[in-house]
Amino acid sequence: ISKDNAKNTVYLQMISLKPEDTAMYHCAVRSSV
């Protein structure tokens, strides 16, 4: 996982993917404790 503050963007680089990685992926912002 990485980020670009200027773009307010986060990335997820995924390699060596496996069938068990199959899913719907959601990003989210944490603003709470």
Full PDB file with SEQRES, HELIX, SHEET, SSBOND, CRYST1, ORIGX, SCALE, CONECT and MASTER records, all heavy atoms in Angstrom:
SEQRES   1 A   33  ILE SER LYS ASP ASN ALA LYS ASN THR VAL TYR LEU GLN          
SEQRES   2 A   33  MET ILE SER LEU LYS PRO GLU ASP THR ALA MET TYR HIS          
SEQRES   3 A   33  CYS ALA VAL ARG SER SER VAL                                  
HELIX    1 AA1 ASN A    5  LYS A    7  5                                   3    
HELIX    2 AA2 PRO A   19  ASP A   21  5                                   3    
SHEET    1 AA1 2 SER A   2  ASP A   4  0                                        
SHEET    2 AA1 2 THR A   9  TYR A  11 -1                                        
CRYST1    1.000    1.000    1.000  90.00  90.00  90.00 P 1           1          
ORIGX1      1.000000  0.000000  0.000000        0.00000                         
ORIGX2      0.000000  1.000000  0.000000        0.00000                         
ORIGX3      0.000000  0.000000  1.000000        0.00000                         
SCALE1      1.000000  0.000000  0.000000        0.00000                         
SCALE2      0.000000  1.000000  0.000000        0.00000                         
SCALE3      0.000000  0.000000  1.000000        0.00000                         
ATOM      1  N   ILE A   1       0.841  -1.181   0.000  1.00  0.00           N  
ATOM      2  CA  ILE A   1       0.000   0.000   0.000  1.00  0.00           C  
ATOM      3  C   ILE A   1       0.885   1.242   0.000  1.00  0.00           C  
ATOM      4  O   ILE A   1       1.924   1.274   0.665  1.00  0.00           O  
ATOM      5  CB  ILE A   1      -0.975   0.001   1.199  1.00  0.00           C  
ATOM      6  CG1 ILE A   1      -2.010   1.124   1.057  1.00  0.00           C  
ATOM      7  CG2 ILE A   1      -0.229   0.096   2.525  1.00  0.00           C  
ATOM      8  CD1 ILE A   1      -3.148   1.035   2.071  1.00  0.00           C  
ATOM      9  N   SER A   2       0.479   2.260  -0.756  1.00  0.00           N  
ATOM     10  CA  SER A   2       1.234   3.500  -0.826  1.00  0.00           C  
ATOM     11  C   SER A   2       0.262   4.651  -1.050  1.00  0.00           C  
ATOM     12  O   SER A   2      -0.932   4.434  -1.282  1.00  0.00           O  
ATOM     13  CB  SER A   2       2.289   3.450  -1.933  1.00  0.00           C  
ATOM     14  OG  SER A   2       1.684   3.261  -3.200  1.00  0.00           O  
ATOM     15  N   LYS A   3       0.772   5.873  -0.986  1.00  0.00           N  
ATOM     16  CA  LYS A   3      -0.095   7.035  -1.121  1.00  0.00           C  
ATOM     17  C   LYS A   3       0.589   8.156  -1.875  1.00  0.00           C  
ATOM     18  O   LYS A   3       1.820   8.222  -1.949  1.00  0.00           O  
ATOM     19  CB  LYS A   3      -0.541   7.530   0.265  1.00  0.00           C  
ATOM     20  CG  LYS A   3       0.602   7.970   1.180  1.00  0.00           C  
ATOM     21  CD  LYS A   3       0.083   8.395   2.540  1.00  0.00           C  
ATOM     22  CE  LYS A   3       1.217   8.715   3.500  1.00  0.00           C  
ATOM     23  NZ  LYS A   3       1.935   9.946   3.097  1.00  0.00           N  
ATOM     24  N   ASP A   4      -0.222   9.041  -2.425  1.00  0.00           N  
ATOM     25  CA  ASP A   4       0.225  10.262  -3.076  1.00  0.00           C  
ATOM     26  C   ASP A   4      -0.581  11.383  -2.448  1.00  0.00           C  
ATOM     27  O   ASP A   4      -1.750  11.580  -2.777  1.00  0.00           O  
ATOM     28  CB  ASP A   4       0.002  10.193  -4.589  1.00  0.00           C  
ATOM     29  CG  ASP A   4       0.539  11.412  -5.320  1.00  0.00           C  
ATOM     30  OD1 ASP A   4       0.600  12.506  -4.735  1.00  0.00           O  
ATOM     31  OD2 ASP A   4       0.898  11.265  -6.504  1.00  0.00           O  
ATOM     32  N   ASN A   5       0.027  12.117  -1.531  1.00  0.00           N  
ATOM     33  CA  ASN A   5      -0.696  13.139  -0.791  1.00  0.00           C  
ATOM     34  C   ASN A   5      -1.237  14.243  -1.700  1.00  0.00           C  
ATOM     35  O   ASN A   5      -2.339  14.748  -1.473  1.00  0.00           O  
ATOM     36  CB  ASN A   5       0.202  13.744   0.285  1.00  0.00           C  
ATOM     37  CG  ASN A   5       0.555  12.769   1.383  1.00  0.00           C  
ATOM     38  OD1 ASN A   5       1.298  11.813   1.157  1.00  0.00           O  
ATOM     39  ND2 ASN A   5       0.027  13.003   2.565  1.00  0.00           N  
ATOM     40  N   ALA A   6      -0.466  14.632  -2.715  1.00  0.00           N  
ATOM     41  CA  ALA A   6      -0.894  15.703  -3.605  1.00  0.00           C  
ATOM     42  C   ALA A   6      -2.167  15.339  -4.350  1.00  0.00           C  
ATOM     43  O   ALA A   6      -2.979  16.213  -4.673  1.00  0.00           O  
ATOM     44  CB  ALA A   6       0.215  16.052  -4.587  1.00  0.00           C  
ATOM     45  N   LYS A   7      -2.350  14.066  -4.635  1.00  0.00           N  
ATOM     46  CA  LYS A   7      -3.525  13.599  -5.368  1.00  0.00           C  
ATOM     47  C   LYS A   7      -4.607  13.032  -4.466  1.00  0.00           C  
ATOM     48  O   LYS A   7      -5.664  12.627  -4.961  1.00  0.00           O  
ATOM     49  CB  LYS A   7      -3.125  12.536  -6.387  1.00  0.00           C  
ATOM     50  CG  LYS A   7      -2.207  13.027  -7.486  1.00  0.00           C  
ATOM     51  CD  LYS A   7      -1.880  11.899  -8.454  1.00  0.00           C  
ATOM     52  CE  LYS A   7      -1.001  12.381  -9.593  1.00  0.00           C  
ATOM     53  NZ  LYS A   7      -0.674  11.281 -10.540  1.00  0.00           N  
ATOM     54  N   ASN A   8      -4.348  13.005  -3.161  1.00  0.00           N  
ATOM     55  CA  ASN A   8      -5.275  12.368  -2.227  1.00  0.00           C  
ATOM     56  C   ASN A   8      -5.651  10.968  -2.713  1.00  0.00           C  
ATOM     57  O   ASN A   8      -6.825  10.593  -2.739  1.00  0.00           O  
ATOM     58  CB  ASN A   8      -6.526  13.216  -2.022  1.00  0.00           C  
ATOM     59  CG  ASN A   8      -6.342  14.299  -0.982  1.00  0.00           C  
ATOM     60  OD1 ASN A   8      -5.426  14.248  -0.156  1.00  0.00           O  
ATOM     61  ND2 ASN A   8      -7.218  15.288  -1.006  1.00  0.00           N  
ATOM     62  N   THR A   9      -4.648  10.221  -3.075  1.00  0.00           N  
ATOM     63  CA  THR A   9      -4.851   8.914  -3.674  1.00  0.00           C  
ATOM     64  C   THR A   9      -4.025   7.860  -2.950  1.00  0.00           C  
ATOM     65  O   THR A   9      -2.876   8.111  -2.584  1.00  0.00           O  
ATOM     66  CB  THR A   9      -4.470   8.924  -5.162  1.00  0.00           C  
ATOM     67  OG1 THR A   9      -5.310   9.857  -5.855  1.00  0.00           O  
ATOM     68  CG2 THR A   9      -4.637   7.551  -5.786  1.00  0.00           C  
ATOM     69  N   VAL A  10      -4.626   6.704  -2.762  1.00  0.00           N  
ATOM     70  CA  VAL A  10      -3.932   5.570  -2.186  1.00  0.00           C  
ATOM     71  C   VAL A  10      -3.918   4.445  -3.212  1.00  0.00           C  
ATOM     72  O   VAL A  10      -4.860   4.297  -3.998  1.00  0.00           O  
ATOM     73  CB  VAL A  10      -4.587   5.120  -0.859  1.00  0.00           C  
ATOM     74  CG1 VAL A  10      -5.990   4.589  -1.088  1.00  0.00           C  
ATOM     75  CG2 VAL A  10      -3.711   4.094  -0.154  1.00  0.00           C  
ATOM     76  N   TYR A  11      -2.850   3.659  -3.202  1.00  0.00           N  
ATOM     77  CA  TYR A  11      -2.675   2.588  -4.165  1.00  0.00           C  
ATOM     78  C   TYR A  11      -2.485   1.261  -3.443  1.00  0.00           C  
ATOM     79  O   TYR A  11      -2.010   1.214  -2.309  1.00  0.00           O  
ATOM     80  CB  TYR A  11      -1.453   2.835  -5.051  1.00  0.00           C  
ATOM     81  CG  TYR A  11      -1.471   4.170  -5.748  1.00  0.00           C  
ATOM     82  CD1 TYR A  11      -0.844   5.278  -5.186  1.00  0.00           C  
ATOM     83  CD2 TYR A  11      -2.116   4.327  -6.970  1.00  0.00           C  
ATOM     84  CE1 TYR A  11      -0.855   6.506  -5.828  1.00  0.00           C  
ATOM     85  CE2 TYR A  11      -2.139   5.549  -7.611  1.00  0.00           C  
ATOM     86  CZ  TYR A  11      -1.505   6.634  -7.041  1.00  0.00           C  
ATOM     87  OH  TYR A  11      -1.522   7.856  -7.680  1.00  0.00           O  
ATOM     88  N   LEU A  12      -2.841   0.202  -4.119  1.00  0.00           N  
ATOM     89  CA  LEU A  12      -2.576  -1.141  -3.624  1.00  0.00           C  
ATOM     90  C   LEU A  12      -1.961  -1.941  -4.761  1.00  0.00           C  
ATOM     91  O   LEU A  12      -2.658  -2.325  -5.703  1.00  0.00           O  
ATOM     92  CB  LEU A  12      -3.850  -1.819  -3.121  1.00  0.00           C  
ATOM     93  CG  LEU A  12      -3.641  -3.169  -2.441  1.00  0.00           C  
ATOM     94  CD1 LEU A  12      -2.913  -2.994  -1.114  1.00  0.00           C  
ATOM     95  CD2 LEU A  12      -4.981  -3.877  -2.219  1.00  0.00           C  
ATOM     96  N   GLN A  13      -0.653  -2.154  -4.684  1.00  0.00           N  
ATOM     97  CA  GLN A  13       0.052  -2.962  -5.663  1.00  0.00           C  
ATOM     98  C   GLN A  13      -0.023  -4.417  -5.224  1.00  0.00           C  
ATOM     99  O   GLN A  13       0.414  -4.750  -4.122  1.00  0.00           O  
ATOM    100  CB  GLN A  13       1.507  -2.519  -5.784  1.00  0.00           C  
ATOM    101  CG  GLN A  13       2.317  -3.324  -6.782  1.00  0.00           C  
ATOM    102  CD  GLN A  13       1.870  -3.089  -8.207  1.00  0.00           C  
ATOM    103  OE1 GLN A  13       1.792  -1.953  -8.655  1.00  0.00           O  
ATOM    104  NE2 GLN A  13       1.561  -4.159  -8.916  1.00  0.00           N  
ATOM    105  N   MET A  14      -0.562  -5.259  -6.075  1.00  0.00           N  
ATOM    106  CA  MET A  14      -0.762  -6.660  -5.756  1.00  0.00           C  
ATOM    107  C   MET A  14       0.026  -7.510  -6.742  1.00  0.00           C  
ATOM    108  O   MET A  14      -0.133  -7.368  -7.954  1.00  0.00           O  
ATOM    109  CB  MET A  14      -2.246  -7.026  -5.823  1.00  0.00           C  
ATOM    110  CG  MET A  14      -3.139  -6.119  -4.990  1.00  0.00           C  
ATOM    111  SD  MET A  14      -4.877  -6.652  -4.990  1.00  0.00           S  
ATOM    112  CE  MET A  14      -5.272  -6.395  -6.723  1.00  0.00           C  
ATOM    113  N   ILE A  15       0.871  -8.383  -6.220  1.00  0.00           N  
ATOM    114  CA  ILE A  15       1.631  -9.313  -7.047  1.00  0.00           C  
ATOM    115  C   ILE A  15       1.386 -10.732  -6.564  1.00  0.00           C  
ATOM    116  O   ILE A  15       0.835 -10.951  -5.491  1.00  0.00           O  
ATOM    117  CB  ILE A  15       3.142  -8.991  -7.031  1.00  0.00           C  
ATOM    118  CG1 ILE A  15       3.728  -9.211  -5.633  1.00  0.00           C  
ATOM    119  CG2 ILE A  15       3.399  -7.583  -7.511  1.00  0.00           C  
ATOM    120  CD1 ILE A  15       5.241  -9.120  -5.582  1.00  0.00           C  
ATOM    121  N   SER A  16       1.804 -11.693  -7.376  1.00  0.00           N  
ATOM    122  CA  SER A  16       1.654 -13.106  -7.038  1.00  0.00           C  
ATOM    123  C   SER A  16       0.227 -13.419  -6.612  1.00  0.00           C  
ATOM    124  O   SER A  16      -0.015 -14.098  -5.609  1.00  0.00           O  
ATOM    125  CB  SER A  16       2.646 -13.499  -5.939  1.00  0.00           C  
ATOM    126  OG  SER A  16       3.977 -13.266  -6.342  1.00  0.00           O  
ATOM    127  N   LEU A  17      -0.716 -12.946  -7.381  1.00  0.00           N  
ATOM    128  CA  LEU A  17      -2.121 -13.101  -7.026  1.00  0.00           C  
ATOM    129  C   LEU A  17      -2.542 -14.566  -7.047  1.00  0.00           C  
ATOM    130  O   LEU A  17      -2.086 -15.348  -7.877  1.00  0.00           O  
ATOM    131  CB  LEU A  17      -2.995 -12.286  -7.964  1.00  0.00           C  
ATOM    132  CG  LEU A  17      -2.995 -10.787  -7.674  1.00  0.00           C  
ATOM    133  CD1 LEU A  17      -3.518 -10.003  -8.867  1.00  0.00           C  
ATOM    134  CD2 LEU A  17      -3.837 -10.495  -6.430  1.00  0.00           C  
ATOM    135  N   LYS A  18      -3.418 -14.906  -6.122  1.00  0.00           N  
ATOM    136  CA  LYS A  18      -3.928 -16.249  -5.964  1.00  0.00           C  
ATOM    137  C   LYS A  18      -5.437 -16.255  -6.158  1.00  0.00           C  
ATOM    138  O   LYS A  18      -6.091 -15.234  -5.948  1.00  0.00           O  
ATOM    139  CB  LYS A  18      -3.604 -16.782  -4.560  1.00  0.00           C  
ATOM    140  CG  LYS A  18      -2.143 -16.703  -4.172  1.00  0.00           C  
ATOM    141  CD  LYS A  18      -1.951 -17.099  -2.709  1.00  0.00           C  
ATOM    142  CE  LYS A  18      -0.505 -17.009  -2.290  1.00  0.00           C  
ATOM    143  NZ  LYS A  18      -0.318 -17.361  -0.862  1.00  0.00           N  
ATOM    144  N   PRO A  19      -6.016 -17.388  -6.529  1.00  0.00           N  
ATOM    145  CA  PRO A  19      -7.472 -17.445  -6.666  1.00  0.00           C  
ATOM    146  C   PRO A  19      -8.204 -16.999  -5.408  1.00  0.00           C  
ATOM    147  O   PRO A  19      -9.279 -16.390  -5.508  1.00  0.00           O  
ATOM    148  CB  PRO A  19      -7.736 -18.917  -6.988  1.00  0.00           C  
ATOM    149  CG  PRO A  19      -6.505 -19.363  -7.702  1.00  0.00           C  
ATOM    150  CD  PRO A  19      -5.381 -18.638  -7.003  1.00  0.00           C  
ATOM    151  N   GLU A  20      -7.646 -17.260  -4.240  1.00  0.00           N  
ATOM    152  CA  GLU A  20      -8.294 -16.853  -2.999  1.00  0.00           C  
ATOM    153  C   GLU A  20      -8.277 -15.346  -2.773  1.00  0.00           C  
ATOM    154  O   GLU A  20      -8.905 -14.859  -1.835  1.00  0.00           O  
ATOM    155  CB  GLU A  20      -7.676 -17.571  -1.792  1.00  0.00           C  
ATOM    156  CG  GLU A  20      -6.167 -17.464  -1.720  1.00  0.00           C  
ATOM    157  CD  GLU A  20      -5.471 -18.697  -2.272  1.00  0.00           C  
ATOM    158  OE1 GLU A  20      -5.875 -19.168  -3.355  1.00  0.00           O  
ATOM    159  OE2 GLU A  20      -4.530 -19.196  -1.624  1.00  0.00           O  
ATOM    160  N   ASP A  21      -7.561 -14.595  -3.609  1.00  0.00           N  
ATOM    161  CA  ASP A  21      -7.609 -13.141  -3.556  1.00  0.00           C  
ATOM    162  C   ASP A  21      -8.832 -12.579  -4.269  1.00  0.00           C  
ATOM    163  O   ASP A  21      -9.086 -11.372  -4.196  1.00  0.00           O  
ATOM    164  CB  ASP A  21      -6.352 -12.534  -4.180  1.00  0.00           C  
ATOM    165  CG  ASP A  21      -5.090 -12.841  -3.388  1.00  0.00           C  
ATOM    166  OD1 ASP A  21      -5.119 -12.783  -2.146  1.00  0.00           O  
ATOM    167  OD2 ASP A  21      -4.060 -13.145  -4.030  1.00  0.00           O  
ATOM    168  N   THR A  22      -9.562 -13.424  -4.957  1.00  0.00           N  
ATOM    169  CA  THR A  22     -10.747 -12.982  -5.681  1.00  0.00           C  
ATOM    170  C   THR A  22     -11.769 -12.394  -4.713  1.00  0.00           C  
ATOM    171  O   THR A  22     -12.171 -13.043  -3.752  1.00  0.00           O  
ATOM    172  CB  THR A  22     -11.369 -14.144  -6.457  1.00  0.00           C  
ATOM    173  OG1 THR A  22     -10.462 -14.576  -7.474  1.00  0.00           O  
ATOM    174  CG2 THR A  22     -12.682 -13.728  -7.104  1.00  0.00           C  
ATOM    175  N   ALA A  23     -12.175 -11.154  -4.967  1.00  0.00           N  
ATOM    176  CA  ALA A  23     -13.110 -10.467  -4.084  1.00  0.00           C  
ATOM    177  C   ALA A  23     -13.439  -9.103  -4.659  1.00  0.00           C  
ATOM    178  O   ALA A  23     -12.790  -8.627  -5.596  1.00  0.00           O  
ATOM    179  CB  ALA A  23     -12.521 -10.305  -2.678  1.00  0.00           C  
ATOM    180  N   MET A  24     -14.450  -8.466  -4.076  1.00  0.00           N  
ATOM    181  CA  MET A  24     -14.694  -7.061  -4.312  1.00  0.00           C  
ATOM    182  C   MET A  24     -13.825  -6.276  -3.338  1.00  0.00           C  
ATOM    183  O   MET A  24     -13.897  -6.495  -2.126  1.00  0.00           O  
ATOM    184  CB  MET A  24     -16.165  -6.726  -4.113  1.00  0.00           C  
ATOM    185  CG  MET A  24     -16.512  -5.260  -4.346  1.00  0.00           C  
ATOM    186  SD  MET A  24     -16.408  -4.775  -6.090  1.00  0.00           S  
ATOM    187  CE  MET A  24     -17.860  -5.600  -6.744  1.00  0.00           C  
ATOM    188  N   TYR A  25     -13.019  -5.374  -3.858  1.00  0.00           N  
ATOM    189  CA  TYR A  25     -12.115  -4.580  -3.045  1.00  0.00           C  
ATOM    190  C   TYR A  25     -12.662  -3.169  -2.884  1.00  0.00           C  
ATOM    191  O   TYR A  25     -12.994  -2.510  -3.870  1.00  0.00           O  
ATOM    192  CB  TYR A  25     -10.725  -4.529  -3.676  1.00  0.00           C  
ATOM    193  CG  TYR A  25      -9.933  -5.799  -3.510  1.00  0.00           C  
ATOM    194  CD1 TYR A  25     -10.296  -6.955  -4.178  1.00  0.00           C  
ATOM    195  CD2 TYR A  25      -8.817  -5.847  -2.673  1.00  0.00           C  
ATOM    196  CE1 TYR A  25      -9.582  -8.130  -4.014  1.00  0.00           C  
ATOM    197  CE2 TYR A  25      -8.089  -7.013  -2.508  1.00  0.00           C  
ATOM    198  CZ  TYR A  25      -8.477  -8.160  -3.185  1.00  0.00           C  
ATOM    199  OH  TYR A  25      -7.757  -9.320  -3.025  1.00  0.00           O  
ATOM    200  N   HIS A  26     -12.747  -2.706  -1.645  1.00  0.00           N  
ATOM    201  CA  HIS A  26     -13.224  -1.372  -1.318  1.00  0.00           C  
ATOM    202  C   HIS A  26     -12.132  -0.591  -0.610  1.00  0.00           C  
ATOM    203  O   HIS A  26     -11.430  -1.135   0.242  1.00  0.00           O  
ATOM    204  CB  HIS A  26     -14.441  -1.428  -0.395  1.00  0.00           C  
ATOM    205  CG  HIS A  26     -15.649  -2.057  -1.001  1.00  0.00           C  
ATOM    206  ND1 HIS A  26     -16.644  -1.301  -1.586  1.00  0.00           N  
ATOM    207  CD2 HIS A  26     -16.024  -3.347  -1.100  1.00  0.00           C  
ATOM    208  CE1 HIS A  26     -17.592  -2.128  -2.019  1.00  0.00           C  
ATOM    209  NE2 HIS A  26     -17.237  -3.359  -1.744  1.00  0.00           N  
ATOM    210  N   CYS A  27     -12.007   0.684  -0.930  1.00  0.00           N  
ATOM    211  CA  CYS A  27     -11.162   1.553  -0.137  1.00  0.00           C  
ATOM    212  C   CYS A  27     -12.038   2.357   0.803  1.00  0.00           C  
ATOM    213  O   CYS A  27     -13.238   2.518   0.587  1.00  0.00           O  
ATOM    214  CB  CYS A  27     -10.298   2.474  -1.006  1.00  0.00           C  
ATOM    215  SG  CYS A  27     -11.192   3.757  -1.914  1.00  0.00           S  
ATOM    216  N   ALA A  28     -11.437   2.860   1.876  1.00  0.00           N  
ATOM    217  CA  ALA A  28     -12.186   3.576   2.889  1.00  0.00           C  
ATOM    218  C   ALA A  28     -11.281   4.568   3.601  1.00  0.00           C  
ATOM    219  O   ALA A  28     -10.064   4.393   3.649  1.00  0.00           O  
ATOM    220  CB  ALA A  28     -12.799   2.596   3.897  1.00  0.00           C  
ATOM    221  N   VAL A  29     -11.910   5.604   4.149  1.00  0.00           N  
ATOM    222  CA  VAL A  29     -11.211   6.627   4.916  1.00  0.00           C  
ATOM    223  C   VAL A  29     -11.534   6.440   6.391  1.00  0.00           C  
ATOM    224  O   VAL A  29     -12.704   6.361   6.771  1.00  0.00           O  
ATOM    225  CB  VAL A  29     -11.607   8.043   4.475  1.00  0.00           C  
ATOM    226  CG1 VAL A  29     -10.973   9.084   5.399  1.00  0.00           C  
ATOM    227  CG2 VAL A  29     -11.194   8.289   3.037  1.00  0.00           C  
ATOM    228  N   ARG A  30     -10.505   6.378   7.195  1.00  0.00           N  
ATOM    229  CA  ARG A  30     -10.653   6.251   8.641  1.00  0.00           C  
ATOM    230  C   ARG A  30     -10.614   7.626   9.280  1.00  0.00           C  
ATOM    231  O   ARG A  30      -9.610   8.336   9.175  1.00  0.00           O  
ATOM    232  CB  ARG A  30      -9.551   5.365   9.214  1.00  0.00           C  
ATOM    233  CG  ARG A  30      -9.607   5.165  10.725  1.00  0.00           C  
ATOM    234  CD  ARG A  30      -8.457   4.279  11.177  1.00  0.00           C  
ATOM    235  NE  ARG A  30      -8.488   3.989  12.604  1.00  0.00           N  
ATOM    236  CZ  ARG A  30      -7.870   4.717  13.526  1.00  0.00           C  
ATOM    237  NH1 ARG A  30      -7.181   5.793  13.172  1.00  0.00           N  
ATOM    238  NH2 ARG A  30      -7.944   4.379  14.804  1.00  0.00           N  
ATOM    239  N   SER A  31     -11.707   8.006   9.928  1.00  0.00           N  
ATOM    240  CA  SER A  31     -11.782   9.301  10.604  1.00  0.00           C  
ATOM    241  C   SER A  31     -12.151   9.167  12.067  1.00  0.00           C  
ATOM    242  O   SER A  31     -12.314  10.168  12.751  1.00  0.00           O  
ATOM    243  CB  SER A  31     -12.804  10.206   9.912  1.00  0.00           C  
ATOM    244  OG  SER A  31     -12.462  10.438   8.564  1.00  0.00           O  
ATOM    245  N   SER A  32     -12.277   7.957  12.543  1.00  0.00           N  
ATOM    246  CA  SER A  32     -12.716   7.699  13.899  1.00  0.00           C  
ATOM    247  C   SER A  32     -11.651   6.943  14.670  1.00  0.00           C  
ATOM    248  O   SER A  32     -10.722   6.379  14.087  1.00  0.00           O  
ATOM    249  CB  SER A  32     -14.017   6.899  13.908  1.00  0.00           C  
ATOM    250  OG  SER A  32     -15.026   7.549  13.165  1.00  0.00           O  
ATOM    251  N   VAL A  33     -11.807   6.938  15.960  1.00  0.00           N  
ATOM    252  CA  VAL A  33     -10.945   6.125  16.794  1.00  0.00           C  
ATOM    253  C   VAL A  33     -11.351   4.672  16.631  1.00  0.00           C  
ATOM    254  O   VAL A  33     -12.466   4.355  16.207  1.00  0.00           O  
ATOM    255  CB  VAL A  33     -11.022   6.545  18.272  1.00  0.00           C  
ATOM    256  CG1 VAL A  33     -10.531   7.970  18.435  1.00  0.00           C  
ATOM    257  CG2 VAL A  33     -12.440   6.389  18.795  1.00  0.00           C  
TER     258      VAL A  33                                                      
MASTER        0    0    0    2    2    0    0    6  257    1    0    3          
END                                                                             
